[in-house]
Amino acid sequence: MKKQPQIIIKPYQRKKKKKRLKRYFLVILTFLIFFTLSLYFLLSWLVKKESGELEKQRLNNQILRSEIKRFQSSNEAYEEFIRTKLGYIREGEKIIVYSESPKK
C-alpha cells in the first residue's frame, strides 16, 4: 500500500501580519498627531511673541513720527533738544555746575 501524503494545516498567518501592521500604523499615527500638536503650539507661541514685538515697534514708530512732526513744525524743538541733550548754551549765558563736596 502506498502511503498517502500527510496534509498539514497551518494556522492562518495573515491575521498576525494585519495586527502587526495595525500596531505600526497606530504608532506612526500617534507620533504624527503628537508632532503636529507640538508644532502647532510652538508656532502659535512664536506668532504671539512676534505680534507683541510688532506692537512695540508700532508704538515706537508712532512716538518717532510725533517727534519728527514736532521738529518739522518749529525751531524751538531743535533748540530744546540741543540745549538738553547736547548741553549747548546761548551767548551771554552762564552755566552753573553743582557738585557734591568730597566726604571727609
N, C-alpha and C. Protein backbone atom coordinates (compact mmCIF):
# COMPACT_ATOMS: atom_id res chain seq x y z
N MET A 1 0.78 -1.16 0.00
CA MET A 1 0.00 0.00 0.00
C MET A 1 0.85 1.26 0.00
N LYS A 2 0.37 2.12 -0.74
CA LYS A 2 1.08 3.38 -0.85
C LYS A 2 0.65 4.31 0.26
N LYS A 3 1.63 4.98 0.75
CA LYS A 3 1.36 5.93 1.83
C LYS A 3 0.86 7.24 1.24
N GLN A 4 -0.19 7.70 1.80
CA GLN A 4 -0.71 8.98 1.33
C GLN A 4 0.06 10.11 2.00
N PRO A 5 0.28 11.16 1.23
CA PRO A 5 1.00 12.27 1.85
C PRO A 5 0.16 12.90 2.96
N GLN A 6 0.87 13.28 3.96
CA GLN A 6 0.18 13.89 5.10
C GLN A 6 -0.16 15.34 4.80
N ILE A 7 -1.30 15.71 5.19
CA ILE A 7 -1.73 17.10 5.00
C ILE A 7 -1.55 17.81 6.32
N ILE A 8 -0.75 18.86 6.27
CA ILE A 8 -0.51 19.64 7.48
C ILE A 8 -1.23 20.97 7.33
N ILE A 9 -2.02 21.27 8.29
CA ILE A 9 -2.78 22.52 8.27
C ILE A 9 -2.10 23.48 9.24
N LYS A 10 -1.66 24.56 8.67
CA LYS A 10 -1.00 25.58 9.49
C LYS A 10 -2.00 26.69 9.77
N PRO A 11 -1.85 27.33 10.90
CA PRO A 11 -2.77 28.43 11.19
C PRO A 11 -2.55 29.58 10.20
N TYR A 12 -3.59 30.27 9.98
CA TYR A 12 -3.56 31.35 9.01
C TYR A 12 -2.67 32.48 9.54
N GLN A 13 -1.60 32.82 8.87
CA GLN A 13 -0.60 33.78 9.34
C GLN A 13 -0.95 35.22 9.01
N ARG A 14 -1.86 35.42 8.14
CA ARG A 14 -2.14 36.78 7.70
C ARG A 14 -2.73 37.64 8.80
N LYS A 15 -3.47 37.05 9.72
CA LYS A 15 -4.06 37.82 10.80
C LYS A 15 -2.98 38.45 11.68
N LYS A 16 -1.93 37.74 11.93
CA LYS A 16 -0.84 38.30 12.73
C LYS A 16 -0.19 39.47 12.00
N LYS A 17 -0.03 39.31 10.70
CA LYS A 17 0.56 40.39 9.93
C LYS A 17 -0.34 41.62 9.95
N LYS A 18 -1.65 41.39 9.87
CA LYS A 18 -2.57 42.52 9.91
C LYS A 18 -2.52 43.21 11.26
N LYS A 19 -2.44 42.44 12.32
CA LYS A 19 -2.35 43.03 13.66
C LYS A 19 -1.06 43.83 13.80
N ARG A 20 0.01 43.28 13.28
CA ARG A 20 1.29 43.97 13.35
C ARG A 20 1.24 45.26 12.54
N LEU A 21 0.65 45.20 11.36
CA LEU A 21 0.51 46.40 10.54
C LEU A 21 -0.37 47.44 11.23
N LYS A 22 -1.41 47.00 11.88
CA LYS A 22 -2.28 47.93 12.62
C LYS A 22 -1.51 48.60 13.75
N ARG A 23 -0.70 47.84 14.44
CA ARG A 23 0.10 48.42 15.52
C ARG A 23 1.07 49.45 14.99
N TYR A 24 1.77 49.11 13.92
CA TYR A 24 2.70 50.07 13.31
C TYR A 24 1.97 51.33 12.87
N PHE A 25 0.82 51.12 12.26
CA PHE A 25 0.04 52.25 11.80
C PHE A 25 -0.39 53.13 12.97
N LEU A 26 -0.85 52.53 14.06
CA LEU A 26 -1.27 53.30 15.23
C LEU A 26 -0.10 54.03 15.88
N VAL A 27 1.06 53.40 15.93
CA VAL A 27 2.25 54.05 16.49
C VAL A 27 2.64 55.25 15.64
N ILE A 28 2.65 55.05 14.34
CA ILE A 28 3.01 56.15 13.44
C ILE A 28 1.99 57.27 13.51
N LEU A 29 0.70 56.89 13.55
CA LEU A 29 -0.36 57.90 13.65
C LEU A 29 -0.27 58.68 14.95
N THR A 30 0.00 58.00 16.05
CA THR A 30 0.16 58.67 17.35
C THR A 30 1.34 59.63 17.31
N PHE A 31 2.44 59.18 16.75
CA PHE A 31 3.62 60.04 16.64
C PHE A 31 3.31 61.27 15.80
N LEU A 32 2.64 61.09 14.68
CA LEU A 32 2.31 62.22 13.81
C LEU A 32 1.36 63.21 14.50
N ILE A 33 0.40 62.70 15.24
CA ILE A 33 -0.51 63.59 15.98
C ILE A 33 0.27 64.38 17.02
N PHE A 34 1.13 63.71 17.76
CA PHE A 34 1.94 64.39 18.77
C PHE A 34 2.84 65.45 18.13
N PHE A 35 3.47 65.09 17.03
CA PHE A 35 4.36 66.02 16.33
C PHE A 35 3.58 67.22 15.81
N THR A 36 2.41 66.97 15.24
CA THR A 36 1.59 68.05 14.70
C THR A 36 1.13 69.01 15.79
N LEU A 37 0.68 68.46 16.91
CA LEU A 37 0.26 69.31 18.02
C LEU A 37 1.42 70.11 18.59
N SER A 38 2.57 69.48 18.73
CA SER A 38 3.75 70.19 19.23
C SER A 38 4.12 71.33 18.30
N LEU A 39 4.11 71.06 17.02
CA LEU A 39 4.44 72.09 16.03
C LEU A 39 3.42 73.22 16.07
N TYR A 40 2.14 72.87 16.21
CA TYR A 40 1.09 73.88 16.28
C TYR A 40 1.30 74.81 17.48
N PHE A 41 1.54 74.23 18.65
CA PHE A 41 1.73 75.06 19.84
C PHE A 41 3.00 75.90 19.76
N LEU A 42 4.04 75.35 19.19
CA LEU A 42 5.28 76.11 19.02
C LEU A 42 5.05 77.30 18.09
N LEU A 43 4.40 77.06 16.97
CA LEU A 43 4.17 78.14 16.02
C LEU A 43 3.20 79.19 16.56
N SER A 44 2.19 78.76 17.30
CA SER A 44 1.27 79.74 17.87
C SER A 44 1.98 80.60 18.92
N TRP A 45 2.89 80.00 19.68
CA TRP A 45 3.66 80.78 20.66
C TRP A 45 4.56 81.79 19.94
N LEU A 46 5.20 81.36 18.85
CA LEU A 46 6.05 82.27 18.10
C LEU A 46 5.25 83.42 17.48
N VAL A 47 4.05 83.13 17.01
CA VAL A 47 3.21 84.17 16.43
C VAL A 47 2.82 85.19 17.49
N LYS A 48 2.46 84.72 18.69
CA LYS A 48 2.11 85.64 19.77
C LYS A 48 3.30 86.50 20.16
N LYS A 49 4.47 85.89 20.23
CA LYS A 49 5.68 86.62 20.60
C LYS A 49 5.99 87.70 19.56
N GLU A 50 5.94 87.33 18.29
CA GLU A 50 6.24 88.28 17.22
C GLU A 50 5.18 89.39 17.13
N SER A 51 3.92 89.05 17.40
CA SER A 51 2.89 90.09 17.36
C SER A 51 3.09 91.09 18.50
N GLY A 52 3.58 90.62 19.65
CA GLY A 52 3.91 91.53 20.74
C GLY A 52 5.04 92.47 20.36
N GLU A 53 6.07 91.92 19.73
CA GLU A 53 7.19 92.76 19.29
C GLU A 53 6.75 93.74 18.20
N LEU A 54 5.85 93.29 17.34
CA LEU A 54 5.33 94.16 16.29
C LEU A 54 4.56 95.32 16.89
N GLU A 55 3.78 95.05 17.92
CA GLU A 55 3.02 96.12 18.58
C GLU A 55 3.97 97.13 19.25
N LYS A 56 5.05 96.63 19.85
CA LYS A 56 6.04 97.53 20.45
C LYS A 56 6.66 98.43 19.37
N GLN A 57 6.98 97.84 18.23
CA GLN A 57 7.57 98.62 17.14
C GLN A 57 6.59 99.66 16.60
N ARG A 58 5.31 99.31 16.55
CA ARG A 58 4.30 100.28 16.10
C ARG A 58 4.23 101.46 17.05
N LEU A 59 4.25 101.18 18.36
CA LEU A 59 4.22 102.28 19.34
C LEU A 59 5.47 103.14 19.22
N ASN A 60 6.62 102.49 19.05
CA ASN A 60 7.87 103.23 18.89
C ASN A 60 7.84 104.09 17.63
N ASN A 61 7.31 103.56 16.54
CA ASN A 61 7.20 104.33 15.31
C ASN A 61 6.28 105.53 15.49
N GLN A 62 5.20 105.34 16.23
CA GLN A 62 4.27 106.43 16.47
C GLN A 62 4.94 107.55 17.27
N ILE A 63 5.73 107.19 18.26
CA ILE A 63 6.46 108.19 19.05
C ILE A 63 7.46 108.92 18.17
N LEU A 64 8.19 108.18 17.35
CA LEU A 64 9.18 108.81 16.47
C LEU A 64 8.51 109.73 15.44
N ARG A 65 7.35 109.33 14.92
CA ARG A 65 6.64 110.20 13.97
C ARG A 65 6.21 111.50 14.63
N SER A 66 5.75 111.40 15.89
CA SER A 66 5.34 112.64 16.58
C SER A 66 6.54 113.54 16.82
N GLU A 67 7.70 112.97 17.13
CA GLU A 67 8.91 113.78 17.31
C GLU A 67 9.34 114.42 15.99
N ILE A 68 9.23 113.68 14.90
CA ILE A 68 9.59 114.24 13.59
C ILE A 68 8.68 115.43 13.27
N LYS A 69 7.38 115.27 13.51
CA LYS A 69 6.44 116.38 13.25
C LYS A 69 6.77 117.58 14.13
N ARG A 70 7.15 117.31 15.37
CA ARG A 70 7.48 118.40 16.29
C ARG A 70 8.72 119.15 15.79
N PHE A 71 9.73 118.41 15.33
CA PHE A 71 10.95 119.06 14.82
C PHE A 71 10.69 119.80 13.51
N GLN A 72 9.78 119.28 12.69
CA GLN A 72 9.47 119.94 11.43
C GLN A 72 8.64 121.19 11.63
N SER A 73 7.88 121.24 12.72
CA SER A 73 6.95 122.36 12.91
C SER A 73 7.65 123.64 13.38
N SER A 74 8.67 123.54 14.25
CA SER A 74 9.29 124.77 14.75
C SER A 74 10.76 124.54 15.10
N ASN A 75 11.46 125.66 15.21
CA ASN A 75 12.87 125.61 15.60
C ASN A 75 13.03 125.49 17.11
N GLU A 76 11.98 125.77 17.85
CA GLU A 76 12.06 125.67 19.32
C GLU A 76 12.37 124.23 19.75
N ALA A 77 11.84 123.28 19.02
CA ALA A 77 12.10 121.88 19.37
C ALA A 77 13.58 121.56 19.17
N TYR A 78 14.16 122.07 18.08
CA TYR A 78 15.59 121.88 17.86
C TYR A 78 16.40 122.49 18.99
N GLU A 79 16.05 123.71 19.36
CA GLU A 79 16.79 124.40 20.41
C GLU A 79 16.68 123.64 21.73
N GLU A 80 15.49 123.19 22.05
CA GLU A 80 15.30 122.43 23.29
C GLU A 80 16.13 121.15 23.28
N PHE A 81 16.15 120.48 22.15
CA PHE A 81 16.93 119.25 22.02
C PHE A 81 18.41 119.53 22.20
N ILE A 82 18.90 120.54 21.52
CA ILE A 82 20.33 120.86 21.57
C ILE A 82 20.73 121.29 22.98
N ARG A 83 19.88 122.05 23.64
CA ARG A 83 20.23 122.52 24.99
C ARG A 83 20.20 121.38 26.00
N THR A 84 19.19 120.54 25.95
CA THR A 84 19.07 119.49 26.97
C THR A 84 20.00 118.31 26.71
N LYS A 85 20.03 117.84 25.51
CA LYS A 85 20.81 116.63 25.21
C LYS A 85 22.29 116.91 24.99
N LEU A 86 22.61 118.00 24.33
CA LEU A 86 23.99 118.26 23.97
C LEU A 86 24.67 119.32 24.84
N GLY A 87 23.90 120.02 25.67
CA GLY A 87 24.48 120.96 26.62
C GLY A 87 24.93 122.28 26.03
N TYR A 88 24.37 122.70 24.92
CA TYR A 88 24.75 123.99 24.33
C TYR A 88 24.10 125.13 25.09
N ILE A 89 24.79 126.29 25.08
CA ILE A 89 24.25 127.49 25.72
C ILE A 89 24.26 128.64 24.71
N ARG A 90 23.44 129.63 25.01
CA ARG A 90 23.43 130.83 24.16
C ARG A 90 24.56 131.75 24.57
N GLU A 91 24.84 132.69 23.71
CA GLU A 91 25.89 133.65 24.00
C GLU A 91 25.44 134.52 25.16
N GLY A 92 26.30 134.70 26.12
CA GLY A 92 25.99 135.53 27.27
C GLY A 92 25.41 134.75 28.44
N GLU A 93 25.06 133.50 28.27
CA GLU A 93 24.53 132.69 29.37
C GLU A 93 25.69 132.09 30.15
N LYS A 94 25.43 131.83 31.40
CA LYS A 94 26.44 131.20 32.25
C LYS A 94 25.93 129.84 32.70
N ILE A 95 26.85 128.93 32.83
CA ILE A 95 26.49 127.59 33.29
C ILE A 95 26.97 127.46 34.72
N ILE A 96 26.07 126.98 35.54
CA ILE A 96 26.42 126.73 36.94
C ILE A 96 26.37 125.22 37.11
N VAL A 97 27.48 124.66 37.52
CA VAL A 97 27.57 123.21 37.71
C VAL A 97 27.67 122.94 39.20
N TYR A 98 26.75 122.18 39.70
CA TYR A 98 26.75 121.80 41.11
C TYR A 98 27.46 120.48 41.26
N SER A 99 28.32 120.43 42.24
CA SER A 99 28.99 119.14 42.51
C SER A 99 29.00 118.95 44.02
N GLU A 100 28.95 117.71 44.39
CA GLU A 100 28.96 117.40 45.82
C GLU A 100 30.37 117.55 46.35
N SER A 101 30.44 118.04 47.59
CA SER A 101 31.77 118.17 48.20
C SER A 101 32.24 116.79 48.62
N PRO A 102 33.55 116.57 48.53
CA PRO A 102 34.06 115.24 48.92
C PRO A 102 33.85 115.00 50.41
N LYS A 103 33.51 113.80 50.75
CA LYS A 103 33.28 113.44 52.16
C LYS A 103 34.61 113.30 52.86
N LYS A 104 34.64 113.78 54.10
CA LYS A 104 35.88 113.73 54.88
C LYS A 104 35.86 112.63 55.87
